[in-house]
C-alpha atoms as a PDB file:
ATOM      1  CA  UNK A   1     -93.995 -58.679 -42.323  1.00  0.00           C
ATOM      2  CA  UNK A   2     -92.813 -55.498 -41.615  1.00  0.00           C
ATOM      3  CA  UNK A   3     -94.254 -54.163 -37.926  1.00  0.00           C
ATOM      4  CA  UNK A   4     -94.277 -50.885 -36.985  1.00  0.00           C
ATOM      5  CA  UNK A   5     -92.061 -50.061 -33.682  1.00  0.00           C
ATOM      6  CA  UNK A   6     -94.760 -50.089 -31.379  1.00  0.00           C
ATOM      7  CA  UNK A   7     -93.095 -51.876 -29.121  1.00  0.00           C
ATOM      8  CA  UNK A   8     -94.833 -51.902 -25.468  1.00  0.00           C
ATOM      9  CA  UNK A   9     -92.029 -49.938 -23.910  1.00  0.00           C
ATOM     10  CA  UNK A  10     -92.920 -47.082 -26.070  1.00  0.00           C
ATOM     11  CA  UNK A  11     -96.699 -46.519 -24.839  1.00  0.00           C
ATOM     12  CA  UNK A  12     -96.551 -44.559 -21.978  1.00  0.00           C
ATOM     13  CA  UNK A  13    -100.545 -43.612 -20.185  1.00  0.00           C
ATOM     14  CA  UNK A  14    -102.528 -40.607 -20.321  1.00  0.00           C
ATOM     15  CA  UNK A  15    -101.444 -38.725 -16.922  1.00  0.00           C
ATOM     16  CA  UNK A  16    -105.168 -38.575 -16.003  1.00  0.00           C
ATOM     17  CA  UNK A  17    -105.918 -42.095 -16.473  1.00  0.00           C
ATOM     18  CA  UNK A  18    -108.251 -42.945 -16.380  1.00  0.00           C
ATOM     19  CA  UNK A  19    -110.327 -40.872 -18.168  1.00  0.00           C
ATOM     20  CA  UNK A  20    -113.558 -41.272 -17.694  1.00  0.00           C
ATOM     21  CA  UNK A  21    -114.488 -42.586 -15.108  1.00  0.00           C
ATOM     22  CA  UNK A  22    -118.573 -43.372 -14.578  1.00  0.00           C
ATOM     23  CA  UNK A  23    -119.675 -39.914 -13.754  1.00  0.00           C
ATOM     24  CA  UNK A  24    -119.794 -40.367  -9.744  1.00  0.00           C
ATOM     25  CA  UNK A  25    -122.086 -43.079 -10.420  1.00  0.00           C
ATOM     26  CA  UNK A  26    -120.126 -46.298 -11.263  1.00  0.00           C
ATOM     27  CA  UNK A  27    -120.365 -48.840  -8.306  1.00  0.00           C
ATOM     28  CA  UNK A  28    -118.869 -52.331  -8.333  1.00  0.00           C
ATOM     29  CA  UNK A  29    -119.809 -54.384 -11.630  1.00  0.00           C
ATOM     30  CA  UNK A  30    -120.515 -50.790 -13.778  1.00  0.00           C
ATOM     31  CA  UNK A  31    -118.614 -50.996 -16.997  1.00  0.00           C
ATOM     32  CA  UNK A  32    -117.580 -48.080 -19.658  1.00  0.00           C
ATOM     33  CA  UNK A  33    -116.424 -49.499 -22.686  1.00  0.00           C
ATOM     34  CA  UNK A  34    -115.456 -50.215 -26.144  1.00  0.00           C
ATOM     35  CA  UNK A  35    -114.842 -46.198 -26.929  1.00  0.00           C
ATOM     36  CA  UNK A  36    -114.484 -44.767 -30.444  1.00  0.00           C
ATOM     37  CA  UNK A  37    -113.312 -41.492 -30.911  1.00  0.00           C
ATOM     38  CA  UNK A  38    -113.552 -38.487 -33.731  1.00  0.00           C
ATOM     39  CA  UNK A  39    -110.744 -36.196 -33.801  1.00  0.00           C
ATOM     40  CA  UNK A  40    -111.207 -32.385 -34.436  1.00  0.00           C
ATOM     41  CA  UNK A  41    -111.563 -32.324 -38.224  1.00  0.00           C
ATOM     42  CA  UNK A  42    -113.270 -35.502 -38.766  1.00  0.00           C
ATOM     43  CA  UNK A  43    -116.936 -34.161 -37.794  1.00  0.00           C
ATOM     44  CA  UNK A  44    -116.667 -30.686 -36.433  1.00  0.00           C
ATOM     45  CA  UNK A  45    -113.643 -29.106 -34.219  1.00  0.00           C
ATOM     46  CA  UNK A  46    -113.838 -31.044 -31.067  1.00  0.00           C
ATOM     47  CA  UNK A  47    -113.204 -34.330 -30.052  1.00  0.00           C
ATOM     48  CA  UNK A  48    -115.946 -36.952 -29.703  1.00  0.00           C
ATOM     49  CA  UNK A  49    -115.709 -40.005 -27.694  1.00  0.00           C
ATOM     50  CA  UNK A  50    -118.884 -42.821 -27.719  1.00  0.00           C
ATOM     51  CA  UNK A  51    -119.081 -45.618 -25.658  1.00  0.00           C
ATOM     52  CA  UNK A  52    -121.529 -48.363 -23.909  1.00  0.00           C
ATOM     53  CA  UNK A  53    -122.085 -48.333 -19.955  1.00  0.00           C
ATOM     54  CA  UNK A  54    -123.467 -49.678 -17.308  1.00  0.00           C
ATOM     55  CA  UNK A  55    -123.253 -48.148 -13.402  1.00  0.00           C
ATOM     56  CA  UNK A  56    -124.874 -51.277 -11.757  1.00  0.00           C
ATOM     57  CA  UNK A  57    -125.847 -54.659 -10.600  1.00  0.00           C
ATOM     58  CA  UNK A  58    -128.883 -53.608 -12.442  1.00  0.00           C
ATOM     59  CA  UNK A  59    -127.146 -54.091 -16.093  1.00  0.00           C
ATOM     60  CA  UNK A  60    -129.118 -50.399 -17.738  1.00  0.00           C
ATOM     61  CA  UNK A  61    -127.060 -49.881 -20.991  1.00  0.00           C
ATOM     62  CA  UNK A  62    -126.715 -46.685 -22.087  1.00  0.00           C
ATOM     63  CA  UNK A  63    -125.527 -44.946 -25.640  1.00  0.00           C
ATOM     64  CA  UNK A  64    -122.925 -42.285 -24.359  1.00  0.00           C
ATOM     65  CA  UNK A  65    -121.179 -39.550 -26.682  1.00  0.00           C
ATOM     66  CA  UNK A  66    -119.076 -36.962 -24.642  1.00  0.00           C
ATOM     67  CA  UNK A  67    -116.959 -34.382 -26.451  1.00  0.00           C
ATOM     68  CA  UNK A  68    -113.616 -32.586 -25.244  1.00  0.00           C
ATOM     69  CA  UNK A  69    -111.287 -30.170 -26.234  1.00  0.00           C
ATOM     70  CA  UNK A  70    -108.319 -31.502 -26.415  1.00  0.00           C
ATOM     71  CA  UNK A  71    -108.924 -36.108 -25.901  1.00  0.00           C
ATOM     72  CA  UNK A  72    -108.090 -35.722 -22.447  1.00  0.00           C
ATOM     73  CA  UNK A  73    -110.466 -33.832 -20.483  1.00  0.00           C
ATOM     74  CA  UNK A  74    -114.156 -34.903 -21.327  1.00  0.00           C
ATOM     75  CA  UNK A  75    -117.853 -34.129 -20.891  1.00  0.00           C
ATOM     76  CA  UNK A  76    -121.114 -35.867 -21.619  1.00  0.00           C
ATOM     77  CA  UNK A  77    -122.287 -34.431 -24.240  1.00  0.00           C
ATOM     78  CA  UNK A  78    -125.371 -36.775 -24.566  1.00  0.00           C
ATOM     79  CA  UNK A  79    -126.371 -40.003 -22.909  1.00  0.00           C
ATOM     80  CA  UNK A  80    -129.640 -42.381 -24.300  1.00  0.00           C
ATOM     81  CA  UNK A  81    -131.173 -45.317 -22.991  1.00  0.00           C
ATOM     82  CA  UNK A  82    -130.377 -48.288 -25.467  1.00  0.00           C
ATOM     83  CA  UNK A  83    -129.816 -51.946 -24.849  1.00  0.00           C
ATOM     84  CA  UNK A  84    -126.851 -51.471 -26.204  1.00  0.00           C
ATOM     85  CA  UNK A  85    -123.373 -53.565 -25.483  1.00  0.00           C
ATOM     86  CA  UNK A  86    -120.083 -53.412 -27.327  1.00  0.00           C
ATOM     87  CA  UNK A  87    -120.067 -50.839 -30.395  1.00  0.00           C
ATOM     88  CA  UNK A  88    -118.123 -48.933 -33.222  1.00  0.00           C
ATOM     89  CA  UNK A  89    -118.669 -45.898 -35.131  1.00  0.00           C
ATOM     90  CA  UNK A  90    -118.688 -46.382 -38.840  1.00  0.00           C
ATOM     91  CA  UNK A  91    -118.896 -43.057 -41.414  1.00  0.00           C
ATOM     92  CA  UNK A  92    -120.328 -44.012 -44.623  1.00  0.00           C
ATOM     93  CA  UNK A  93    -120.467 -40.684 -47.372  1.00  0.00           C
ATOM     94  CA  UNK A  94    -122.378 -37.927 -45.133  1.00  0.00           C
ATOM     95  CA  UNK A  95    -124.072 -40.759 -42.898  1.00  0.00           C
ATOM     96  CA  UNK A  96    -122.940 -42.340 -39.293  1.00  0.00           C
ATOM     97  CA  UNK A  97    -123.460 -45.845 -38.169  1.00  0.00           C
ATOM     98  CA  UNK A  98    -122.930 -47.263 -34.746  1.00  0.00           C
ATOM     99  CA  UNK A  99    -123.134 -50.918 -35.119  1.00  0.00           C
ATOM    100  CA  UNK A 100    -123.809 -52.690 -31.810  1.00  0.00           C
ATOM    101  CA  UNK A 101    -123.904 -55.518 -29.567  1.00  0.00           C
ATOM    102  CA  UNK A 102    -128.176 -55.382 -29.231  1.00  0.00           C
ATOM    103  CA  UNK A 103    -128.871 -56.821 -25.714  1.00  0.00           C
ATOM    104  CA  UNK A 104    -131.897 -59.338 -25.906  1.00  0.00           C
ATOM    105  CA  UNK A 105    -132.734 -60.577 -22.660  1.00  0.00           C
ATOM    106  CA  UNK A 106    -133.943 -56.773 -22.124  1.00  0.00           C
ATOM    107  CA  UNK A 107    -136.279 -56.991 -24.823  1.00  0.00           C
ATOM    108  CA  UNK A 108    -139.636 -59.134 -24.704  1.00  0.00           C
ATOM    109  CA  UNK A 109    -139.709 -62.522 -26.724  1.00  0.00           C
ATOM    110  CA  UNK A 110    -136.235 -61.201 -28.676  1.00  0.00           C
ATOM    111  CA  UNK A 111    -134.293 -64.371 -27.283  1.00  0.00           C
ATOM    112  CA  UNK A 112    -136.938 -66.474 -28.783  1.00  0.00           C
ATOM    113  CA  UNK A 113    -137.315 -64.690 -31.744  1.00  0.00           C
ATOM    114  CA  UNK A 114    -133.441 -65.051 -32.838  1.00  0.00           C
ATOM    115  CA  UNK A 115    -131.882 -67.567 -30.739  1.00  0.00           C
ATOM    116  CA  UNK A 116    -129.202 -65.388 -28.808  1.00  0.00           C
ATOM    117  CA  UNK A 117    -128.805 -63.284 -26.244  1.00  0.00           C
ATOM    118  CA  UNK A 118    -126.214 -60.837 -28.098  1.00  0.00           C
ATOM    119  CA  UNK A 119    -127.098 -59.875 -31.936  1.00  0.00           C
ATOM    120  CA  UNK A 120    -125.513 -57.184 -34.159  1.00  0.00           C
ATOM    121  CA  UNK A 121    -127.865 -54.091 -35.136  1.00  0.00           C
ATOM    122  CA  UNK A 122    -127.652 -50.602 -35.899  1.00  0.00           C
ATOM    123  CA  UNK A 123    -128.145 -47.075 -35.843  1.00  0.00           C
ATOM    124  CA  UNK A 124    -128.182 -44.013 -38.479  1.00  0.00           C
ATOM    125  CA  UNK A 125    -127.545 -40.202 -38.041  1.00  0.00           C
ATOM    126  CA  UNK A 126    -126.495 -37.155 -39.542  1.00  0.00           C
ATOM    127  CA  UNK A 127    -125.815 -35.395 -37.032  1.00  0.00           C
ATOM    128  CA  UNK A 128    -124.471 -37.711 -34.524  1.00  0.00           C
ATOM    129  CA  UNK A 129    -127.668 -36.749 -32.183  1.00  0.00           C
ATOM    130  CA  UNK A 130    -130.600 -38.285 -33.724  1.00  0.00           C
ATOM    131  CA  UNK A 131    -130.487 -42.302 -34.397  1.00  0.00           C
ATOM    132  CA  UNK A 132    -132.670 -43.919 -36.585  1.00  0.00           C
ATOM    133  CA  UNK A 133    -134.432 -47.045 -35.309  1.00  0.00           C
ATOM    134  CA  UNK A 134    -132.528 -50.286 -34.676  1.00  0.00           C
ATOM    135  CA  UNK A 135    -131.751 -52.296 -37.991  1.00  0.00           C
ATOM    136  CA  UNK A 136    -130.963 -55.801 -37.562  1.00  0.00           C
ATOM    137  CA  UNK A 137    -127.513 -56.793 -39.156  1.00  0.00           C
ATOM    138  CA  UNK A 138    -126.394 -60.582 -38.505  1.00  0.00           C
ATOM    139  CA  UNK A 139    -127.290 -63.370 -35.713  1.00  0.00           C
ATOM    140  CA  UNK A 140    -125.407 -66.273 -34.829  1.00  0.00           C
ATOM    141  CA  UNK A 141    -125.633 -68.997 -36.501  1.00  0.00           C
ATOM    142  CA  UNK A 142    -122.577 -71.321 -37.410  1.00  0.00           C
ATOM    143  CA  UNK A 143    -121.507 -73.816 -35.197  1.00  0.00           C
ATOM    144  CA  UNK A 144    -118.452 -71.938 -34.130  1.00  0.00           C
ATOM    145  CA  UNK A 145    -120.658 -69.136 -33.161  1.00  0.00           C
ATOM    146  CA  UNK A 146    -123.115 -70.986 -31.293  1.00  0.00           C
ATOM    147  CA  UNK A 147    -119.912 -72.668 -29.233  1.00  0.00           C
ATOM    148  CA  UNK A 148    -120.697 -71.591 -25.166  1.00  0.00           C
ATOM    149  CA  UNK A 149    -119.692 -72.680 -22.119  1.00  0.00           C
ATOM    150  CA  UNK A 150    -121.752 -76.351 -21.312  1.00  0.00           C
ATOM    151  CA  UNK A 151    -122.448 -74.183 -17.681  1.00  0.00           C
ATOM    152  CA  UNK A 152    -124.613 -71.278 -20.001  1.00  0.00           C
ATOM    153  CA  UNK A 153    -126.961 -73.114 -22.788  1.00  0.00           C
ATOM    154  CA  UNK A 154    -128.433 -69.694 -23.556  1.00  0.00           C
ATOM    155  CA  UNK A 155    -125.643 -68.237 -24.173  1.00  0.00           C
ATOM    156  CA  UNK A 156    -125.326 -67.664 -27.496  1.00  0.00           C
ATOM    157  CA  UNK A 157    -123.986 -64.082 -28.842  1.00  0.00           C
ATOM    158  CA  UNK A 158    -122.545 -62.405 -32.023  1.00  0.00           C
ATOM    159  CA  UNK A 159    -120.847 -59.572 -30.873  1.00  0.00           C
ATOM    160  CA  UNK A 160    -118.319 -56.273 -30.956  1.00  0.00           C
ATOM    161  CA  UNK A 161    -119.108 -55.187 -34.410  1.00  0.00           C
ATOM    162  CA  UNK A 162    -116.124 -53.497 -36.486  1.00  0.00           C
ATOM    163  CA  UNK A 163    -117.195 -52.319 -39.900  1.00  0.00           C
ATOM    164  CA  UNK A 164    -114.574 -51.415 -42.814  1.00  0.00           C
ATOM    165  CA  UNK A 165    -114.642 -50.370 -46.303  1.00  0.00           C
ATOM    166  CA  UNK A 166    -112.578 -52.234 -48.555  1.00  0.00           C
ATOM    167  CA  UNK A 167    -110.873 -50.872 -51.438  1.00  0.00           C
ATOM    168  CA  UNK A 168    -113.156 -52.624 -53.850  1.00  0.00           C
ATOM    169  CA  UNK A 169    -115.874 -50.865 -52.709  1.00  0.00           C
ATOM    170  CA  UNK A 170    -117.251 -53.673 -50.938  1.00  0.00           C
ATOM    171  CA  UNK A 171    -118.220 -53.821 -46.890  1.00  0.00           C
ATOM    172  CA  UNK A 172    -116.760 -55.786 -44.540  1.00  0.00           C
ATOM    173  CA  UNK A 173    -118.096 -56.163 -41.112  1.00  0.00           C
ATOM    174  CA  UNK A 174    -115.573 -57.626 -38.412  1.00  0.00           C
ATOM    175  CA  UNK A 175    -117.431 -59.437 -35.493  1.00  0.00           C
ATOM    176  CA  UNK A 176    -116.718 -61.667 -32.405  1.00  0.00           C
ATOM    177  CA  UNK A 177    -119.130 -64.899 -31.909  1.00  0.00           C
ATOM    178  CA  UNK A 178    -118.545 -68.242 -29.817  1.00  0.00           C
ATOM    179  CA  UNK A 179    -118.108 -67.184 -26.116  1.00  0.00           C
ATOM    180  CA  UNK A 180    -115.935 -68.888 -23.068  1.00  0.00           C
ATOM    181  CA  UNK A 181    -116.557 -68.285 -19.323  1.00  0.00           C
ATOM    182  CA  UNK A 182    -114.258 -66.554 -17.454  1.00  0.00           C
ATOM    183  CA  UNK A 183    -115.248 -68.182 -13.616  1.00  0.00           C
ATOM    184  CA  UNK A 184    -113.098 -65.884 -12.148  1.00  0.00           C
ATOM    185  CA  UNK A 185    -114.832 -63.068 -13.299  1.00  0.00           C
ATOM    186  CA  UNK A 186    -118.589 -64.580 -13.794  1.00  0.00           C
ATOM    187  CA  UNK A 187    -119.183 -63.502 -17.197  1.00  0.00           C
ATOM    188  CA  UNK A 188    -118.506 -64.386 -20.831  1.00  0.00           C
ATOM    189  CA  UNK A 189    -116.292 -63.080 -23.012  1.00  0.00           C
ATOM    190  CA  UNK A 190    -115.719 -64.235 -27.054  1.00  0.00           C
ATOM    191  CA  UNK A 191    -113.787 -67.335 -28.135  1.00  0.00           C
ATOM    192  CA  UNK A 192    -113.823 -66.631 -32.080  1.00  0.00           C
ATOM    193  CA  UNK A 193    -113.783 -63.508 -34.577  1.00  0.00           C
ATOM    194  CA  UNK A 194    -114.915 -64.056 -38.167  1.00  0.00           C
ATOM    195  CA  UNK A 195    -116.271 -61.350 -40.716  1.00  0.00           C
ATOM    196  CA  UNK A 196    -118.595 -61.185 -43.465  1.00  0.00           C
ATOM    197  CA  UNK A 197    -119.207 -58.874 -46.239  1.00  0.00           C
ATOM    198  CA  UNK A 198    -121.628 -57.231 -47.903  1.00  0.00           C
ATOM    199  CA  UNK A 199    -122.031 -54.515 -51.098  1.00  0.00           C
ATOM    200  CA  UNK A 200    -124.126 -51.820 -48.710  1.00  0.00           C
ATOM    201  CA  UNK A 201    -122.687 -51.073 -45.103  1.00  0.00           C
ATOM    202  CA  UNK A 202    -126.487 -51.985 -44.155  1.00  0.00           C
ATOM    203  CA  UNK A 203    -126.694 -55.633 -45.536  1.00  0.00           C
ATOM    204  CA  UNK A 204    -127.697 -58.105 -46.212  1.00  0.00           C
ATOM    205  CA  UNK A 205    -124.280 -59.954 -45.513  1.00  0.00           C
ATOM    206  CA  UNK A 206    -122.684 -62.623 -46.364  1.00  0.00           C
ATOM    207  CA  UNK A 207    -120.519 -64.749 -43.395  1.00  0.00           C
ATOM    208  CA  UNK A 208    -117.125 -66.023 -44.325  1.00  0.00           C
ATOM    209  CA  UNK A 209    -117.790 -69.709 -42.861  1.00  0.00           C
ATOM    210  CA  UNK A 210    -114.792 -69.838 -40.224  1.00  0.00           C
ATOM    211  CA  UNK A 211    -113.203 -67.581 -38.088  1.00  0.00           C
ATOM    212  CA  UNK A 212    -110.275 -66.481 -38.764  1.00  0.00           C
ATOM    213  CA  UNK A 213    -108.581 -65.789 -34.933  1.00  0.00           C
ATOM    214  CA  UNK A 214    -109.669 -68.767 -32.289  1.00  0.00           C
ATOM    215  CA  UNK A 215    -108.116 -69.315 -29.510  1.00  0.00           C
ATOM    216  CA  UNK A 216    -104.494 -70.516 -29.739  1.00  0.00           C
ATOM    217  CA  UNK A 217    -102.308 -72.654 -27.720  1.00  0.00           C
ATOM    218  CA  UNK A 218     -99.171 -72.147 -28.682  1.00  0.00           C
ATOM    219  CA  UNK A 219     -99.468 -68.216 -28.332  1.00  0.00           C
ATOM    220  CA  UNK A 220     -99.571 -67.332 -24.481  1.00  0.00           C
ATOM    221  CA  UNK A 221    -101.954 -64.042 -24.720  1.00  0.00           C
ATOM    222  CA  UNK A 222    -103.924 -65.787 -26.898  1.00  0.00           C
ATOM    223  CA  UNK A 223    -104.719 -69.740 -24.729  1.00  0.00           C
ATOM    224  CA  UNK A 224    -108.351 -68.982 -23.811  1.00  0.00           C
ATOM    225  CA  UNK A 225    -110.163 -66.575 -26.270  1.00  0.00           C
ATOM    226  CA  UNK A 226    -109.850 -64.198 -29.258  1.00  0.00           C
ATOM    227  CA  UNK A 227    -111.337 -61.273 -28.133  1.00  0.00           C
ATOM    228  CA  UNK A 228    -112.654 -58.679 -30.476  1.00  0.00           C
ATOM    229  CA  UNK A 229    -110.672 -55.978 -32.974  1.00  0.00           C
ATOM    230  CA  UNK A 230    -110.449 -53.136 -34.490  1.00  0.00           C
ATOM    231  CA  UNK A 231    -108.924 -52.956 -38.290  1.00  0.00           C
ATOM    232  CA  UNK A 232    -107.443 -49.972 -39.935  1.00  0.00           C
ATOM    233  CA  UNK A 233    -104.827 -48.966 -42.950  1.00  0.00           C
ATOM    234  CA  UNK A 234    -101.078 -48.572 -42.301  1.00  0.00           C
ATOM    235  CA  UNK A 235     -98.792 -48.652 -45.257  1.00  0.00           C
ATOM    236  CA  UNK A 236    -101.023 -50.904 -47.659  1.00  0.00           C
ATOM    237  CA  UNK A 237    -101.700 -53.458 -45.184  1.00  0.00           C
ATOM    238  CA  UNK A 238    -104.425 -54.030 -43.145  1.00  0.00           C
ATOM    239  CA  UNK A 239    -103.167 -53.322 -39.432  1.00  0.00           C
ATOM    240  CA  UNK A 240    -105.288 -54.945 -36.731  1.00  0.00           C
ATOM    241  CA  UNK A 241    -105.541 -54.528 -32.437  1.00  0.00           C
ATOM    242  CA  UNK A 242    -107.440 -56.711 -30.748  1.00  0.00           C
ATOM    243  CA  UNK A 243    -107.530 -58.171 -27.236  1.00  0.00           C
ATOM    244  CA  UNK A 244    -106.150 -61.732 -26.703  1.00  0.00           C
ATOM    245  CA  UNK A 245    -107.495 -63.618 -23.756  1.00  0.00           C
ATOM    246  CA  UNK A 246    -105.488 -65.970 -21.665  1.00  0.00           C
ATOM    247  CA  UNK A 247    -105.278 -67.557 -18.145  1.00  0.00           C
ATOM    248  CA  UNK A 248    -101.901 -66.131 -16.496  1.00  0.00           C
ATOM    249  CA  UNK A 249     -99.627 -68.659 -14.320  1.00  0.00           C
ATOM    250  CA  UNK A 250    -102.032 -68.738 -11.067  1.00  0.00           C
ATOM    251  CA  UNK A 251    -105.045 -69.631 -13.721  1.00  0.00           C
ATOM    252  CA  UNK A 252    -106.632 -65.634 -13.437  1.00  0.00           C
ATOM    253  CA  UNK A 253    -108.383 -64.460 -16.593  1.00  0.00           C
ATOM    254  CA  UNK A 254    -106.185 -62.464 -18.431  1.00  0.00           C
ATOM    255  CA  UNK A 255    -107.054 -59.652 -21.382  1.00  0.00           C
ATOM    256  CA  UNK A 256    -104.360 -57.804 -23.789  1.00  0.00           C
ATOM    257  CA  UNK A 257    -104.189 -55.468 -26.327  1.00  0.00           C
ATOM    258  CA  UNK A 258    -102.239 -57.153 -29.473  1.00  0.00           C
ATOM    259  CA  UNK A 259    -101.293 -55.816 -32.803  1.00  0.00           C
ATOM    260  CA  UNK A 260    -101.892 -57.858 -36.699  1.00  0.00           C
ATOM    261  CA  UNK A 261    -100.958 -57.432 -39.642  1.00  0.00           C
ATOM    262  CA  UNK A 262    -102.707 -58.511 -42.944  1.00  0.00           C
ATOM    263  CA  UNK A 263    -102.272 -58.449 -46.784  1.00  0.00           C
ATOM    264  CA  UNK A 264    -105.937 -59.536 -46.844  1.00  0.00           C
ATOM    265  CA  UNK A 265    -107.446 -58.862 -43.404  1.00  0.00           C
ATOM    266  CA  UNK A 266    -107.825 -62.313 -43.455  1.00  0.00           C
ATOM    267  CA  UNK A 267    -104.810 -63.875 -42.680  1.00  0.00           C
ATOM    268  CA  UNK A 268    -103.342 -62.036 -39.921  1.00  0.00           C
ATOM    269  CA  UNK A 269     -99.652 -62.269 -38.095  1.00  0.00           C
ATOM    270  CA  UNK A 270     -99.198 -61.549 -34.737  1.00  0.00           C
ATOM    271  CA  UNK A 271     -96.848 -59.033 -34.209  1.00  0.00           C
ATOM    272  CA  UNK A 272     -93.402 -60.403 -32.218  1.00  0.00           C
ATOM    273  CA  UNK A 273     -93.477 -58.099 -29.274  1.00  0.00           C
ATOM    274  CA  UNK A 274     -97.358 -58.437 -28.408  1.00  0.00           C
ATOM    275  CA  UNK A 275     -98.673 -57.893 -26.366  1.00  0.00           C
ATOM    276  CA  UNK A 276     -98.695 -53.933 -26.803  1.00  0.00           C
ATOM    277  CA  UNK A 277    -100.358 -52.502 -23.854  1.00  0.00           C
ATOM    278  CA  UNK A 278    -101.463 -55.222 -20.884  1.00  0.00           C
ATOM    279  CA  UNK A 279    -102.682 -55.096 -17.818  1.00  0.00           C
ATOM    280  CA  UNK A 280    -100.564 -54.746 -14.351  1.00  0.00           C
ATOM    281  CA  UNK A 281    -100.248 -52.914 -11.228  1.00  0.00           C
ATOM    282  CA  UNK A 282    -102.752 -52.062  -8.919  1.00  0.00           C
ATOM    283  CA  UNK A 283    -104.653 -49.576 -10.345  1.00  0.00           C
ATOM    284  CA  UNK A 284    -107.870 -49.315 -13.060  1.00  0.00           C
ATOM    285  CA  UNK A 285    -106.421 -51.536 -15.722  1.00  0.00           C
ATOM    286  CA  UNK A 286    -104.923 -54.336 -12.801  1.00  0.00           C
ATOM    287  CA  UNK A 287    -107.070 -57.723 -14.109  1.00  0.00           C
ATOM    288  CA  UNK A 288    -108.192 -56.999 -17.761  1.00  0.00           C
ATOM    289  CA  UNK A 289    -107.706 -54.996 -20.534  1.00  0.00           C
ATOM    290  CA  UNK A 290    -110.247 -54.759 -23.443  1.00  0.00           C
ATOM    291  CA  UNK A 291    -111.242 -53.331 -26.374  1.00  0.00           C
ATOM    292  CA  UNK A 292    -110.458 -50.075 -28.100  1.00  0.00           C
ATOM    293  CA  UNK A 293    -110.052 -47.116 -30.622  1.00  0.00           C
ATOM    294  CA  UNK A 294    -106.879 -46.087 -32.436  1.00  0.00           C
ATOM    295  CA  UNK A 295    -106.722 -42.744 -33.158  1.00  0.00           C
ATOM    296  CA  UNK A 296    -103.383 -40.225 -34.876  1.00  0.00           C
ATOM    297  CA  UNK A 297    -103.471 -36.665 -33.352  1.00  0.00           C
ATOM    298  CA  UNK A 298    -100.766 -34.047 -34.213  1.00  0.00           C
ATOM    299  CA  UNK A 299     -97.410 -36.348 -33.709  1.00  0.00           C
ATOM    300  CA  UNK A 300     -99.060 -39.090 -31.464  1.00  0.00           C
ATOM    301  CA  UNK A 301    -100.960 -41.962 -31.734  1.00  0.00           C
ATOM    302  CA  UNK A 302    -103.736 -42.400 -29.098  1.00  0.00           C
ATOM    303  CA  UNK A 303    -105.014 -46.113 -28.115  1.00  0.00           C
ATOM    304  CA  UNK A 304    -108.236 -45.422 -25.904  1.00  0.00           C
ATOM    305  CA  UNK A 305    -109.403 -48.441 -23.942  1.00  0.00           C
ATOM    306  CA  UNK A 306    -111.477 -49.507 -21.618  1.00  0.00           C
ATOM    307  CA  UNK A 307    -109.844 -51.598 -18.302  1.00  0.00           C
ATOM    308  CA  UNK A 308    -110.783 -54.014 -15.461  1.00  0.00           C
ATOM    309  CA  UNK A 309    -109.344 -53.338 -12.112  1.00  0.00           C
ATOM    310  CA  UNK A 310    -111.005 -56.716 -10.599  1.00  0.00           C
ATOM    311  CA  UNK A 311    -112.183 -59.709 -11.566  1.00  0.00           C
ATOM    312  CA  UNK A 312    -115.425 -60.413 -10.603  1.00  0.00           C
ATOM    313  CA  UNK A 313    -116.500 -57.390  -8.560  1.00  0.00           C
ATOM    314  CA  UNK A 314    -114.238 -54.990 -11.268  1.00  0.00           C
ATOM    315  CA  UNK A 315    -115.209 -51.697 -12.474  1.00  0.00           C
ATOM    316  CA  UNK A 316    -114.585 -50.977 -16.136  1.00  0.00           C
ATOM    317  CA  UNK A 317    -112.703 -47.540 -17.149  1.00  0.00           C
ATOM    318  CA  UNK A 318    -111.755 -45.552 -19.945  1.00  0.00           C
ATOM    319  CA  UNK A 319    -108.481 -44.366 -20.623  1.00  0.00           C
ATOM    320  CA  UNK A 320    -105.423 -44.102 -23.211  1.00  0.00           C
ATOM    321  CA  UNK A 321    -102.151 -44.275 -23.841  1.00  0.00           C
ATOM    322  CA  UNK A 322    -100.073 -42.492 -25.918  1.00  0.00           C
ATOM    323  CA  UNK A 323     -97.575 -42.790 -28.498  1.00  0.00           C
ATOM    324  CA  UNK A 324     -94.775 -40.636 -29.836  1.00  0.00           C
ATOM    325  CA  UNK A 325     -94.372 -41.114 -33.449  1.00  0.00           C
ATOM    326  CA  UNK A 326     -94.405 -40.487 -37.479  1.00  0.00           C
ATOM    327  CA  UNK A 327     -96.531 -43.666 -38.492  1.00  0.00           C
ATOM    328  CA  UNK A 328     -99.897 -43.030 -40.478  1.00  0.00           C
ATOM    329  CA  UNK A 329    -103.094 -45.329 -39.693  1.00  0.00           C
ATOM    330  CA  UNK A 330    -106.392 -44.544 -40.997  1.00  0.00           C
ATOM    331  CA  UNK A 331    -109.876 -45.607 -40.262  1.00  0.00           C
ATOM    332  CA  UNK A 332    -111.516 -47.532 -43.446  1.00  0.00           C
ATOM    333  CA  UNK A 333    -114.227 -45.722 -43.822  1.00  0.00           C
ATOM    334  CA  UNK A 334    -116.591 -44.536 -46.892  1.00  0.00           C
END
């Protein structure tokens, strides 16, 4: 595979990291997560940032929309209380679709109805302000999707969506399912990554029967879980960034951003220099580096991602790492 020259030592942190800190409301266990970014010209001439977040131990989730003149200094433009967990943004013609993990515990009777605590839903907009009602997209049902820690028998999830449009016009939805418990953090993370396909961006979707990424004892950064994935086009190939999950030498939970390449978007190959962005230091990304978006602007690539400064009592905030290069990476939108 012809991997790009994206070795970890070439990426530099944005000087203002973390760029999104929670508007003075973020407490321990609060999360600003899964950033999705539009660059100037993709919608209007501003930068746009979308993410899910909650501020305190009530875990009340919000869908956030921020704007910026440079992609570094962000202002809150809109915030709506949706029962939203990890998300992704997709453009299909003149429509914008947000796919997201729906937190069903907050919806009376939904866990019993759907047989899970997280499923995938979507909302549609033409102006990125007014969004449609929920549209059910996918629930976990396959054996690997139903895996969970024995101590959490009700923790069945489908989550972390990523939609792409294939060259043949079909739509492919990558997602995470199955969970593993991070005991030092007190919560669960995805064990597997799979996909489903449809002729429409809103389904119905036909699932690929087996996961395409799973824990692997031979891959040090992916010994525990596959995490979640975002997929792009690069030099006629599929390029992905995903946050693999492992335990370090002391048994502490860790997550890092890693790079994959594929000819078909199904069989993936690890970059020889993985991980690309790892946790470390004593600051905002001390323990775990999570989900992301990758954009090109001018002469640089930027990875926006959320990271955690501690385990059980940590806060998750959003920052950016930058690589100066000429590589062209594109979102696989409709």
